[in-house]
Amino acid sequence: MTTELYFIYDSHCPWSYAATPLVNALQEAYPEMNVNLLHCANFIGKDSAGEEQMEAAARMSGLKFGRDHIRYANSPKNSVKTANLMGWLQSKQANKQLPVLNAIQRAHFIEGNPLDTKHDFNAIVEKFKLSPSNKVFKDELSMDAEYVLESIAEIQQVIGTNSFPALVMTVGDNAIFIDHSKYISSPHTVVAAVEQEIAAFKK
């Protein structure tokens, strides 16, 4: 049976940052599982999740947010270039998606990197030996990123919500909708919950 995980997120959303450890835990527990990271490009330079959302995510998850991020928590965020980079990665080097996302979130939420210009991505591009084209760093969504948005729309129709972050795991023909809010304070507990659901399919 093919197992897939779909994670709908925005790189600049504190709740997505809090939900990523669940993806890490599930990937560790199911190393053969295909992980699909789907960036919804919610932030386009007009608004942000804001300080209150960041503080709530920090309280529930126990994750740290760096001083520079906290200082600009209410400033408008733009995740378009990150959506382009992650869309490019999905089509070109899918095996690097999750490590790169973890590095991107660390850069943004801990180091305070806005990830808003090509220069902001230099360290990550070098560390992971990536070679994205200049189109990735334009201000509009790339074709790869648009394709990801189409996939997100299909999944949202199935699960009946436009909310993000969202986690769905498919095992063969069965789908498990994972409520991230139940597990973000203790990410590894998601593995046992998923195992119970899978066991129930087999009965």
N, C-alpha and C. Protein backbone atom coordinates (compact mmCIF):
# COMPACT_ATOMS: atom_id res chain seq x y z
N MET A 1 0.84 -1.21 0.00
CA MET A 1 0.00 0.00 0.00
C MET A 1 0.87 1.25 0.00
N THR A 2 0.54 2.17 -0.88
CA THR A 2 1.29 3.42 -0.93
C THR A 2 0.83 4.35 0.18
N THR A 3 1.79 4.92 0.88
CA THR A 3 1.47 5.88 1.95
C THR A 3 1.98 7.25 1.54
N GLU A 4 1.10 8.24 1.64
CA GLU A 4 1.47 9.61 1.27
C GLU A 4 1.07 10.55 2.40
N LEU A 5 1.85 11.60 2.58
CA LEU A 5 1.49 12.65 3.54
C LEU A 5 1.41 13.97 2.78
N TYR A 6 0.33 14.70 3.01
CA TYR A 6 0.14 16.01 2.38
C TYR A 6 0.10 17.07 3.48
N PHE A 7 0.99 18.04 3.39
CA PHE A 7 1.07 19.10 4.40
C PHE A 7 0.84 20.43 3.69
N ILE A 8 -0.30 21.04 3.96
CA ILE A 8 -0.61 22.36 3.40
C ILE A 8 -0.17 23.40 4.44
N TYR A 9 0.69 24.32 4.03
CA TYR A 9 1.30 25.23 5.00
C TYR A 9 1.68 26.53 4.31
N ASP A 10 2.09 27.50 5.12
CA ASP A 10 2.75 28.69 4.60
C ASP A 10 4.03 28.87 5.42
N SER A 11 5.14 29.07 4.75
CA SER A 11 6.44 29.17 5.42
C SER A 11 6.50 30.31 6.43
N HIS A 12 5.64 31.32 6.28
CA HIS A 12 5.68 32.49 7.15
C HIS A 12 4.56 32.47 8.19
N CYS A 13 3.93 31.32 8.35
CA CYS A 13 2.80 31.17 9.30
C CYS A 13 3.31 30.46 10.56
N PRO A 14 3.16 31.08 11.74
CA PRO A 14 3.68 30.45 12.97
C PRO A 14 3.02 29.10 13.29
N TRP A 15 1.76 28.93 12.91
CA TRP A 15 1.10 27.64 13.17
C TRP A 15 1.67 26.55 12.26
N SER A 16 2.07 26.92 11.05
CA SER A 16 2.72 25.96 10.15
C SER A 16 4.08 25.55 10.73
N TYR A 17 4.78 26.53 11.28
CA TYR A 17 6.07 26.26 11.95
C TYR A 17 5.86 25.28 13.10
N ALA A 18 4.75 25.47 13.85
CA ALA A 18 4.46 24.60 14.99
C ALA A 18 4.02 23.20 14.55
N ALA A 19 3.48 23.10 13.33
CA ALA A 19 3.00 21.80 12.83
C ALA A 19 4.09 20.99 12.13
N THR A 20 5.16 21.65 11.68
CA THR A 20 6.22 20.94 10.94
C THR A 20 6.85 19.80 11.75
N PRO A 21 7.05 19.94 13.08
CA PRO A 21 7.60 18.80 13.83
C PRO A 21 6.74 17.52 13.72
N LEU A 22 5.43 17.67 13.47
CA LEU A 22 4.58 16.49 13.25
C LEU A 22 4.98 15.80 11.94
N VAL A 23 5.25 16.62 10.92
CA VAL A 23 5.68 16.07 9.63
C VAL A 23 7.02 15.35 9.81
N ASN A 24 7.92 15.98 10.56
CA ASN A 24 9.22 15.35 10.83
C ASN A 24 9.06 14.01 11.53
N ALA A 25 8.16 13.97 12.54
CA ALA A 25 7.95 12.74 13.31
C ALA A 25 7.36 11.63 12.44
N LEU A 26 6.40 12.01 11.57
CA LEU A 26 5.76 11.01 10.70
C LEU A 26 6.74 10.50 9.63
N GLN A 27 7.58 11.39 9.11
CA GLN A 27 8.56 10.97 8.11
C GLN A 27 9.58 10.00 8.74
N GLU A 28 9.92 10.29 9.99
CA GLU A 28 10.86 9.42 10.71
C GLU A 28 10.24 8.04 10.95
N ALA A 29 8.96 8.03 11.31
CA ALA A 29 8.27 6.77 11.61
C ALA A 29 7.97 5.98 10.33
N TYR A 30 7.77 6.69 9.22
CA TYR A 30 7.44 6.04 7.95
C TYR A 30 8.42 6.53 6.87
N PRO A 31 9.67 6.04 6.93
CA PRO A 31 10.68 6.57 6.00
C PRO A 31 10.37 6.33 4.52
N GLU A 32 9.53 5.33 4.22
CA GLU A 32 9.19 5.05 2.81
C GLU A 32 8.04 5.93 2.31
N MET A 33 7.41 6.66 3.22
CA MET A 33 6.24 7.47 2.86
C MET A 33 6.63 8.65 1.97
N ASN A 34 5.81 8.92 0.96
CA ASN A 34 6.01 10.12 0.13
C ASN A 34 5.45 11.32 0.87
N VAL A 35 6.28 12.33 1.05
CA VAL A 35 5.83 13.54 1.74
C VAL A 35 5.65 14.65 0.70
N ASN A 36 4.45 15.22 0.66
CA ASN A 36 4.13 16.29 -0.28
C ASN A 36 3.94 17.58 0.51
N LEU A 37 4.89 18.49 0.37
CA LEU A 37 4.80 19.77 1.07
C LEU A 37 4.19 20.79 0.13
N LEU A 38 3.03 21.31 0.51
CA LEU A 38 2.25 22.16 -0.40
C LEU A 38 2.12 23.57 0.17
N HIS A 39 2.91 24.48 -0.37
CA HIS A 39 2.95 25.87 0.12
C HIS A 39 1.77 26.64 -0.44
N CYS A 40 0.93 27.20 0.44
CA CYS A 40 -0.31 27.85 -0.03
C CYS A 40 -0.12 29.33 -0.37
N ALA A 41 1.08 29.87 -0.19
CA ALA A 41 1.39 31.27 -0.57
C ALA A 41 0.32 32.24 -0.08
N ASN A 42 0.02 32.16 1.20
CA ASN A 42 -1.03 33.00 1.79
C ASN A 42 -0.57 34.45 1.95
N PHE A 43 0.69 34.63 2.32
CA PHE A 43 1.17 35.99 2.62
C PHE A 43 1.83 36.62 1.39
N ILE A 44 1.27 37.74 0.95
CA ILE A 44 1.78 38.36 -0.29
C ILE A 44 2.22 39.81 -0.03
N GLY A 45 2.70 40.05 1.19
CA GLY A 45 3.24 41.37 1.50
C GLY A 45 2.25 42.37 2.02
N LYS A 46 1.02 41.91 2.32
CA LYS A 46 -0.01 42.84 2.78
C LYS A 46 -0.34 42.69 4.27
N ASP A 47 -0.10 41.51 4.82
CA ASP A 47 -0.43 41.29 6.22
C ASP A 47 0.50 40.24 6.82
N SER A 48 0.24 39.89 8.08
CA SER A 48 1.03 38.85 8.74
C SER A 48 0.12 38.13 9.72
N ALA A 49 0.59 37.02 10.26
CA ALA A 49 -0.21 36.30 11.28
C ALA A 49 -0.30 37.15 12.54
N GLY A 50 0.73 37.97 12.79
CA GLY A 50 0.71 38.90 13.91
C GLY A 50 1.23 38.30 15.20
N GLU A 51 1.47 39.20 16.15
CA GLU A 51 2.10 38.83 17.41
C GLU A 51 1.24 37.88 18.24
N GLU A 52 -0.07 38.13 18.27
CA GLU A 52 -0.95 37.27 19.10
C GLU A 52 -0.92 35.83 18.63
N GLN A 53 -1.01 35.62 17.31
CA GLN A 53 -0.97 34.26 16.75
C GLN A 53 0.38 33.61 17.04
N MET A 54 1.44 34.41 16.90
CA MET A 54 2.79 33.89 17.17
C MET A 54 2.91 33.44 18.62
N GLU A 55 2.41 34.28 19.53
CA GLU A 55 2.50 33.94 20.96
C GLU A 55 1.67 32.70 21.29
N ALA A 56 0.50 32.58 20.67
CA ALA A 56 -0.36 31.40 20.90
C ALA A 56 0.33 30.14 20.39
N ALA A 57 0.94 30.23 19.20
CA ALA A 57 1.65 29.07 18.63
C ALA A 57 2.84 28.70 19.52
N ALA A 58 3.54 29.70 20.03
CA ALA A 58 4.69 29.44 20.91
C ALA A 58 4.24 28.76 22.20
N ARG A 59 3.13 29.25 22.77
CA ARG A 59 2.59 28.66 24.02
C ARG A 59 2.22 27.21 23.83
N MET A 60 1.49 26.93 22.75
CA MET A 60 0.99 25.56 22.54
C MET A 60 2.09 24.58 22.14
N SER A 61 3.05 25.06 21.36
CA SER A 61 4.06 24.13 20.82
C SER A 61 5.34 24.07 21.64
N GLY A 62 5.58 25.14 22.41
CA GLY A 62 6.84 25.20 23.16
C GLY A 62 8.02 25.59 22.28
N LEU A 63 7.76 25.90 21.01
CA LEU A 63 8.85 26.29 20.10
C LEU A 63 9.32 27.71 20.40
N LYS A 64 10.57 27.95 20.13
CA LYS A 64 11.15 29.28 20.37
C LYS A 64 11.00 30.15 19.11
N PHE A 65 10.78 31.43 19.36
CA PHE A 65 10.80 32.43 18.29
C PHE A 65 11.90 33.42 18.64
N GLY A 66 12.74 33.74 17.66
CA GLY A 66 13.89 34.62 17.93
C GLY A 66 13.48 36.07 18.12
N ARG A 67 14.37 36.82 18.75
CA ARG A 67 14.09 38.23 19.08
C ARG A 67 13.78 39.06 17.84
N ASP A 68 14.57 38.84 16.76
CA ASP A 68 14.35 39.64 15.55
C ASP A 68 13.01 39.32 14.89
N HIS A 69 12.60 38.05 14.99
CA HIS A 69 11.28 37.72 14.44
C HIS A 69 10.18 38.38 15.27
N ILE A 70 10.32 38.29 16.59
CA ILE A 70 9.30 38.85 17.49
C ILE A 70 9.15 40.36 17.24
N ARG A 71 10.28 41.03 17.05
CA ARG A 71 10.27 42.49 16.86
C ARG A 71 9.44 42.89 15.65
N TYR A 72 9.46 42.04 14.60
CA TYR A 72 8.73 42.39 13.36
C TYR A 72 7.52 41.49 13.13
N ALA A 73 7.01 40.90 14.20
CA ALA A 73 5.90 39.94 14.06
C ALA A 73 4.67 40.54 13.39
N ASN A 74 4.44 41.83 13.60
CA ASN A 74 3.24 42.47 13.03
C ASN A 74 3.50 43.10 11.66
N SER A 75 4.74 43.06 11.18
CA SER A 75 5.05 43.63 9.86
C SER A 75 4.52 42.70 8.76
N PRO A 76 4.09 43.27 7.63
CA PRO A 76 3.60 42.41 6.53
C PRO A 76 4.66 41.41 6.08
N LYS A 77 4.21 40.20 5.79
CA LYS A 77 5.11 39.12 5.35
C LYS A 77 4.82 38.79 3.88
N ASN A 78 5.88 38.34 3.20
CA ASN A 78 5.71 37.93 1.80
C ASN A 78 6.39 36.57 1.61
N SER A 79 5.56 35.57 1.37
CA SER A 79 6.11 34.21 1.24
C SER A 79 6.14 33.71 -0.21
N VAL A 80 5.95 34.62 -1.16
CA VAL A 80 5.86 34.23 -2.58
C VAL A 80 7.15 33.55 -3.06
N LYS A 81 8.30 34.16 -2.75
CA LYS A 81 9.57 33.57 -3.23
C LYS A 81 9.81 32.20 -2.58
N THR A 82 9.42 32.06 -1.32
CA THR A 82 9.58 30.75 -0.66
C THR A 82 8.66 29.72 -1.31
N ALA A 83 7.44 30.14 -1.65
CA ALA A 83 6.50 29.24 -2.34
C ALA A 83 7.09 28.79 -3.67
N ASN A 84 7.73 29.74 -4.37
CA ASN A 84 8.37 29.40 -5.66
C ASN A 84 9.51 28.41 -5.46
N LEU A 85 10.34 28.67 -4.44
CA LEU A 85 11.48 27.78 -4.18
C LEU A 85 11.00 26.38 -3.82
N MET A 86 9.98 26.30 -2.97
CA MET A 86 9.48 24.99 -2.54
C MET A 86 8.77 24.27 -3.69
N GLY A 87 8.11 25.02 -4.56
CA GLY A 87 7.49 24.42 -5.75
C GLY A 87 8.55 23.87 -6.69
N TRP A 88 9.64 24.65 -6.85
CA TRP A 88 10.76 24.20 -7.69
C TRP A 88 11.38 22.93 -7.10
N LEU A 89 11.57 22.92 -5.79
CA LEU A 89 12.16 21.75 -5.12
C LEU A 89 11.31 20.51 -5.32
N GLN A 90 9.99 20.69 -5.20
CA GLN A 90 9.09 19.54 -5.34
C GLN A 90 9.23 18.90 -6.72
N SER A 91 9.43 19.73 -7.73
CA SER A 91 9.54 19.17 -9.09
C SER A 91 10.96 18.71 -9.43
N LYS A 92 11.98 19.29 -8.78
CA LYS A 92 13.37 18.98 -9.16
C LYS A 92 14.13 18.11 -8.16
N GLN A 93 13.96 18.37 -6.86
CA GLN A 93 14.73 17.64 -5.84
C GLN A 93 13.84 17.37 -4.64
N ALA A 94 12.81 16.57 -4.86
CA ALA A 94 11.77 16.35 -3.84
C ALA A 94 12.34 15.82 -2.52
N ASN A 95 13.43 15.06 -2.59
CA ASN A 95 13.98 14.47 -1.36
C ASN A 95 14.56 15.52 -0.40
N LYS A 96 14.78 16.75 -0.90
CA LYS A 96 15.33 17.81 -0.04
C LYS A 96 14.26 18.72 0.56
N GLN A 97 12.99 18.49 0.19
CA GLN A 97 11.93 19.41 0.61
C GLN A 97 11.85 19.63 2.12
N LEU A 98 11.81 18.52 2.87
CA LEU A 98 11.58 18.65 4.31
C LEU A 98 12.79 19.27 5.03
N PRO A 99 14.03 18.81 4.75
CA PRO A 99 15.16 19.49 5.38
C PRO A 99 15.23 20.98 5.04
N VAL A 100 14.90 21.32 3.78
CA VAL A 100 14.92 22.73 3.38
C VAL A 100 13.83 23.51 4.11
N LEU A 101 12.65 22.94 4.24
CA LEU A 101 11.58 23.64 4.96
C LEU A 101 11.99 23.89 6.41
N ASN A 102 12.57 22.89 7.06
CA ASN A 102 13.03 23.09 8.44
C ASN A 102 14.05 24.22 8.51
N ALA A 103 14.96 24.28 7.54
CA ALA A 103 15.99 25.34 7.52
C ALA A 103 15.36 26.71 7.26
N ILE A 104 14.37 26.74 6.38
CA ILE A 104 13.68 28.00 6.06
C ILE A 104 12.94 28.53 7.29
N GLN A 105 12.25 27.63 7.98
CA GLN A 105 11.50 28.07 9.17
C GLN A 105 12.45 28.52 10.28
N ARG A 106 13.56 27.84 10.40
CA ARG A 106 14.56 28.26 11.39
C ARG A 106 15.07 29.67 11.05
N ALA A 107 15.39 29.87 9.76
CA ALA A 107 15.89 31.18 9.32
C ALA A 107 14.86 32.28 9.60
N HIS A 108 13.59 31.98 9.33
CA HIS A 108 12.56 33.01 9.47
C HIS A 108 12.15 33.25 10.93
N PHE A 109 11.81 32.17 11.62
CA PHE A 109 11.22 32.33 12.96
C PHE A 109 12.25 32.47 14.09
N ILE A 110 13.45 31.97 13.88
CA ILE A 110 14.46 32.06 14.94
C ILE A 110 15.48 33.16 14.61
N GLU A 111 15.96 33.16 13.37
CA GLU A 111 17.00 34.13 13.01
C GLU A 111 16.44 35.46 12.51
N GLY A 112 15.11 35.51 12.28
CA GLY A 112 14.49 36.77 11.86
C GLY A 112 14.72 37.13 10.40
N ASN A 113 15.07 36.14 9.57
CA ASN A 113 15.28 36.39 8.14
C ASN A 113 13.92 36.54 7.46
N PRO A 114 13.66 37.69 6.79
CA PRO A 114 12.33 37.89 6.18
C PRO A 114 12.08 37.02 4.94
N LEU A 115 13.17 36.47 4.35
CA LEU A 115 13.05 35.64 3.14
C LEU A 115 12.25 36.37 2.06
N ASP A 116 12.68 37.59 1.81
CA ASP A 116 11.92 38.45 0.90
C ASP A 116 12.72 38.85 -0.34
N THR A 117 14.04 38.60 -0.33
CA THR A 117 14.86 38.91 -1.51
C THR A 117 15.70 37.68 -1.85
N LYS A 118 16.24 37.65 -3.05
CA LYS A 118 17.07 36.51 -3.46
C LYS A 118 18.24 36.32 -2.49
N HIS A 119 18.83 37.43 -2.07
CA HIS A 119 19.97 37.40 -1.15
C HIS A 119 19.62 36.66 0.15
N ASP A 120 18.38 36.81 0.62
CA ASP A 120 17.96 36.18 1.88
C ASP A 120 18.05 34.66 1.84
N PHE A 121 18.06 34.09 0.63
CA PHE A 121 18.06 32.63 0.48
C PHE A 121 19.47 32.05 0.26
N ASN A 122 20.47 32.94 0.14
CA ASN A 122 21.82 32.47 -0.24
C ASN A 122 22.34 31.34 0.64
N ALA A 123 22.24 31.51 1.95
CA ALA A 123 22.82 30.52 2.87
C ALA A 123 22.14 29.16 2.70
N ILE A 124 20.81 29.17 2.51
CA ILE A 124 20.06 27.91 2.36
C ILE A 124 20.39 27.26 1.01
N VAL A 125 20.44 28.06 -0.03
CA VAL A 125 20.78 27.54 -1.37
C VAL A 125 22.16 26.88 -1.35
N GLU A 126 23.11 27.53 -0.67
CA GLU A 126 24.47 26.98 -0.59
C GLU A 126 24.51 25.71 0.26
N LYS A 127 23.87 25.78 1.42
CA LYS A 127 23.91 24.63 2.35
C LYS A 127 23.37 23.36 1.70
N PHE A 128 22.27 23.49 0.95
CA PHE A 128 21.64 22.30 0.37
C PHE A 128 22.04 22.06 -1.09
N LYS A 129 23.03 22.86 -1.56
CA LYS A 129 23.53 22.70 -2.93
C LYS A 129 22.40 22.74 -3.96
N LEU A 130 21.59 23.79 -3.87
CA LEU A 130 20.45 23.96 -4.79
C LEU A 130 20.88 24.86 -5.96
N SER A 131 20.18 24.72 -7.07
CA SER A 131 20.50 25.60 -8.21
C SER A 131 19.21 26.10 -8.86
N PRO A 132 18.39 26.82 -8.08
CA PRO A 132 17.14 27.34 -8.67
C PRO A 132 17.41 28.44 -9.68
N SER A 133 16.53 28.55 -10.67
CA SER A 133 16.70 29.61 -11.68
C SER A 133 16.27 30.94 -11.07
N ASN A 134 16.61 32.02 -11.74
CA ASN A 134 16.26 33.35 -11.24
C ASN A 134 14.75 33.57 -11.17
N LYS A 135 13.99 32.80 -11.98
CA LYS A 135 12.52 32.94 -11.97
C LYS A 135 11.95 32.68 -10.59
N VAL A 136 12.62 31.81 -9.83
CA VAL A 136 12.15 31.45 -8.48
C VAL A 136 12.08 32.69 -7.60
N PHE A 137 12.97 33.66 -7.83
CA PHE A 137 13.06 34.81 -6.93
C PHE A 137 12.34 36.05 -7.46
N LYS A 138 11.41 35.82 -8.37
CA LYS A 138 10.58 36.93 -8.86
C LYS A 138 9.44 37.18 -7.85
N ASP A 139 8.74 38.32 -8.05
CA ASP A 139 7.69 38.69 -7.09
C ASP A 139 6.34 38.07 -7.38
N GLU A 140 6.25 37.32 -8.50
CA GLU A 140 4.98 36.66 -8.76
C GLU A 140 5.16 35.14 -8.68
N LEU A 141 4.08 34.45 -8.49
CA LEU A 141 4.14 32.99 -8.34
C LEU A 141 4.61 32.33 -9.63
N SER A 142 5.49 31.36 -9.49
CA SER A 142 6.00 30.61 -10.64
C SER A 142 4.97 29.56 -11.08
N MET A 143 5.23 28.94 -12.22
CA MET A 143 4.32 27.87 -12.68
C MET A 143 4.31 26.70 -11.70
N ASP A 144 5.48 26.36 -11.14
CA ASP A 144 5.55 25.27 -10.15
C ASP A 144 4.67 25.59 -8.94
N ALA A 145 4.76 26.85 -8.46
CA ALA A 145 3.97 27.25 -7.29
C ALA A 145 2.47 27.25 -7.61
N GLU A 146 2.13 27.68 -8.84
CA GLU A 146 0.70 27.68 -9.26
C GLU A 146 0.17 26.24 -9.32
N TYR A 147 1.02 25.34 -9.79
CA TYR A 147 0.63 23.93 -9.86
C TYR A 147 0.34 23.38 -8.46
N VAL A 148 1.17 23.78 -7.48
CA VAL A 148 0.96 23.37 -6.09
C VAL A 148 -0.38 23.91 -5.59
N LEU A 149 -0.70 25.15 -5.94
CA LEU A 149 -1.98 25.73 -5.50
C LEU A 149 -3.17 24.95 -6.06
N GLU A 150 -3.03 24.45 -7.28
CA GLU A 150 -4.10 23.61 -7.86
C GLU A 150 -4.28 22.32 -7.05
N SER A 151 -3.16 21.71 -6.66
CA SER A 151 -3.22 20.49 -5.84
C SER A 151 -3.88 20.79 -4.49
N ILE A 152 -3.54 21.95 -3.91
CA ILE A 152 -4.12 22.34 -2.62
C ILE A 152 -5.64 22.48 -2.75
N ALA A 153 -6.09 23.13 -3.84
CA ALA A 153 -7.53 23.33 -4.05
C ALA A 153 -8.27 21.99 -4.09
N GLU A 154 -7.66 21.01 -4.75
CA GLU A 154 -8.28 19.67 -4.84
C GLU A 154 -8.39 19.02 -3.46
N ILE A 155 -7.32 19.11 -2.68
CA ILE A 155 -7.32 18.50 -1.35
C ILE A 155 -8.30 19.21 -0.44
N GLN A 156 -8.36 20.55 -0.52
CA GLN A 156 -9.28 21.31 0.33
C GLN A 156 -10.73 20.95 0.03
N GLN A 157 -11.00 20.65 -1.23
CA GLN A 157 -12.35 20.23 -1.60
C GLN A 157 -12.70 18.91 -0.91
N VAL A 158 -11.74 18.00 -0.88
CA VAL A 158 -11.96 16.68 -0.28
C VAL A 158 -12.14 16.80 1.24
N ILE A 159 -11.28 17.60 1.89
CA ILE A 159 -11.34 17.67 3.36
C ILE A 159 -12.35 18.71 3.85
N GLY A 160 -12.86 19.51 2.92
CA GLY A 160 -13.93 20.46 3.28
C GLY A 160 -13.49 21.64 4.12
N THR A 161 -12.23 22.06 4.00
CA THR A 161 -11.79 23.25 4.72
C THR A 161 -10.65 23.93 3.96
N ASN A 162 -10.65 25.27 4.03
CA ASN A 162 -9.56 26.05 3.43
C ASN A 162 -8.52 26.41 4.47
N SER A 163 -8.73 25.95 5.71
CA SER A 163 -7.80 26.30 6.79
C SER A 163 -6.44 25.67 6.55
N PHE A 164 -5.43 26.35 7.04
CA PHE A 164 -4.07 25.78 7.01
C PHE A 164 -3.40 26.20 8.31
N PRO A 165 -2.41 25.46 8.80
CA PRO A 165 -1.86 24.25 8.22
C PRO A 165 -2.88 23.11 8.24
N ALA A 166 -2.72 22.19 7.30
CA ALA A 166 -3.58 21.00 7.25
C ALA A 166 -2.70 19.80 6.92
N LEU A 167 -3.00 18.69 7.57
CA LEU A 167 -2.23 17.45 7.37
C LEU A 167 -3.17 16.32 7.02
N VAL A 168 -2.91 15.69 5.90
CA VAL A 168 -3.70 14.52 5.48
C VAL A 168 -2.74 13.41 5.10
N MET A 169 -3.03 12.21 5.61
CA MET A 169 -2.19 11.05 5.28
C MET A 169 -3.08 10.06 4.53
N THR A 170 -2.59 9.52 3.44
CA THR A 170 -3.36 8.50 2.73
C THR A 170 -2.60 7.17 2.79
N VAL A 171 -3.36 6.13 3.08
CA VAL A 171 -2.79 4.78 3.13
C VAL A 171 -3.64 3.95 2.18
N GLY A 172 -3.08 3.62 1.01
CA GLY A 172 -3.89 2.96 -0.02
C GLY A 172 -5.04 3.88 -0.40
N ASP A 173 -6.28 3.36 -0.27
CA ASP A 173 -7.46 4.17 -0.63
C ASP A 173 -8.05 4.93 0.55
N ASN A 174 -7.43 4.79 1.72
CA ASN A 174 -7.96 5.44 2.93
C ASN A 174 -7.22 6.74 3.23
N ALA A 175 -7.97 7.70 3.77
CA ALA A 175 -7.36 8.98 4.13
C ALA A 175 -7.56 9.27 5.61
N ILE A 176 -6.52 9.81 6.23
CA ILE A 176 -6.59 10.20 7.65
C ILE A 176 -6.37 11.71 7.71
N PHE A 177 -7.35 12.43 8.23
CA PHE A 177 -7.19 13.87 8.44
C PHE A 177 -6.59 14.04 9.84
N ILE A 178 -5.43 14.64 9.93
CA ILE A 178 -4.72 14.77 11.21
C ILE A 178 -4.93 16.18 11.77
N ASP A 179 -5.59 16.25 12.93
CA ASP A 179 -5.81 17.54 13.58
C ASP A 179 -4.52 17.95 14.31
N HIS A 180 -3.74 18.82 13.66
CA HIS A 180 -2.42 19.16 14.21
C HIS A 180 -2.49 19.76 15.60
N SER A 181 -3.60 20.46 15.91
CA SER A 181 -3.69 21.15 17.21
C SER A 181 -3.65 20.17 18.39
N LYS A 182 -4.02 18.91 18.15
CA LYS A 182 -4.00 17.91 19.23
C LYS A 182 -2.58 17.46 19.58
N TYR A 183 -1.65 17.65 18.66
CA TYR A 183 -0.34 17.04 18.82
C TYR A 183 0.84 18.01 18.87
N ILE A 184 0.61 19.31 18.63
CA ILE A 184 1.77 20.20 18.50
C ILE A 184 2.54 20.38 19.81
N SER A 185 1.89 20.10 20.94
CA SER A 185 2.65 20.22 22.20
C SER A 185 3.54 19.01 22.41
N SER A 186 3.25 17.91 21.70
CA SER A 186 4.05 16.68 21.83
C SER A 186 4.02 15.94 20.50
N PRO A 187 4.83 16.40 19.52
CA PRO A 187 4.73 15.92 18.13
C PRO A 187 4.79 14.41 17.95
N HIS A 188 5.58 13.70 18.77
CA HIS A 188 5.72 12.26 18.54
C HIS A 188 4.44 11.47 18.84
N THR A 189 3.51 12.09 19.59
CA THR A 189 2.25 11.38 19.88
C THR A 189 1.41 11.20 18.62
N VAL A 190 1.70 11.98 17.58
CA VAL A 190 0.92 11.84 16.34
C VAL A 190 1.15 10.46 15.71
N VAL A 191 2.32 9.89 15.93
CA VAL A 191 2.65 8.60 15.31
C VAL A 191 1.74 7.50 15.84
N ALA A 192 1.57 7.45 17.16
CA ALA A 192 0.70 6.44 17.77
C ALA A 192 -0.75 6.62 17.31
N ALA A 193 -1.19 7.88 17.20
CA ALA A 193 -2.57 8.15 16.76
C ALA A 193 -2.79 7.66 15.34
N VAL A 194 -1.82 7.90 14.47
CA VAL A 194 -1.92 7.47 13.08
C VAL A 194 -1.89 5.93 13.00
N GLU A 195 -1.05 5.31 13.81
CA GLU A 195 -0.97 3.84 13.81
C GLU A 195 -2.31 3.22 14.20
N GLN A 196 -2.99 3.84 15.16
CA GLN A 196 -4.32 3.35 15.56
C GLN A 196 -5.30 3.42 14.39
N GLU A 197 -5.26 4.54 13.68
CA GLU A 197 -6.16 4.73 12.52
C GLU A 197 -5.86 3.69 11.43
N ILE A 198 -4.58 3.46 11.18
CA ILE A 198 -4.20 2.48 10.15
C ILE A 198 -4.65 1.07 10.56
N ALA A 199 -4.50 0.76 11.84
CA ALA A 199 -4.92 -0.55 12.35
C ALA A 199 -6.43 -0.73 12.16
N ALA A 200 -7.18 0.38 12.35
CA ALA A 200 -8.64 0.32 12.21
C ALA A 200 -9.03 0.03 10.75
N PHE A 201 -8.25 0.54 9.79
CA PHE A 201 -8.54 0.27 8.37
C PHE A 201 -8.42 -1.22 8.08
N LYS A 202 -7.50 -1.88 8.77
CA LYS A 202 -7.18 -3.27 8.44
C LYS A 202 -8.14 -4.28 9.05
N LYS A 203 -9.01 -3.80 9.94
CA LYS A 203 -9.94 -4.72 10.60
C LYS A 203 -11.01 -5.20 9.63
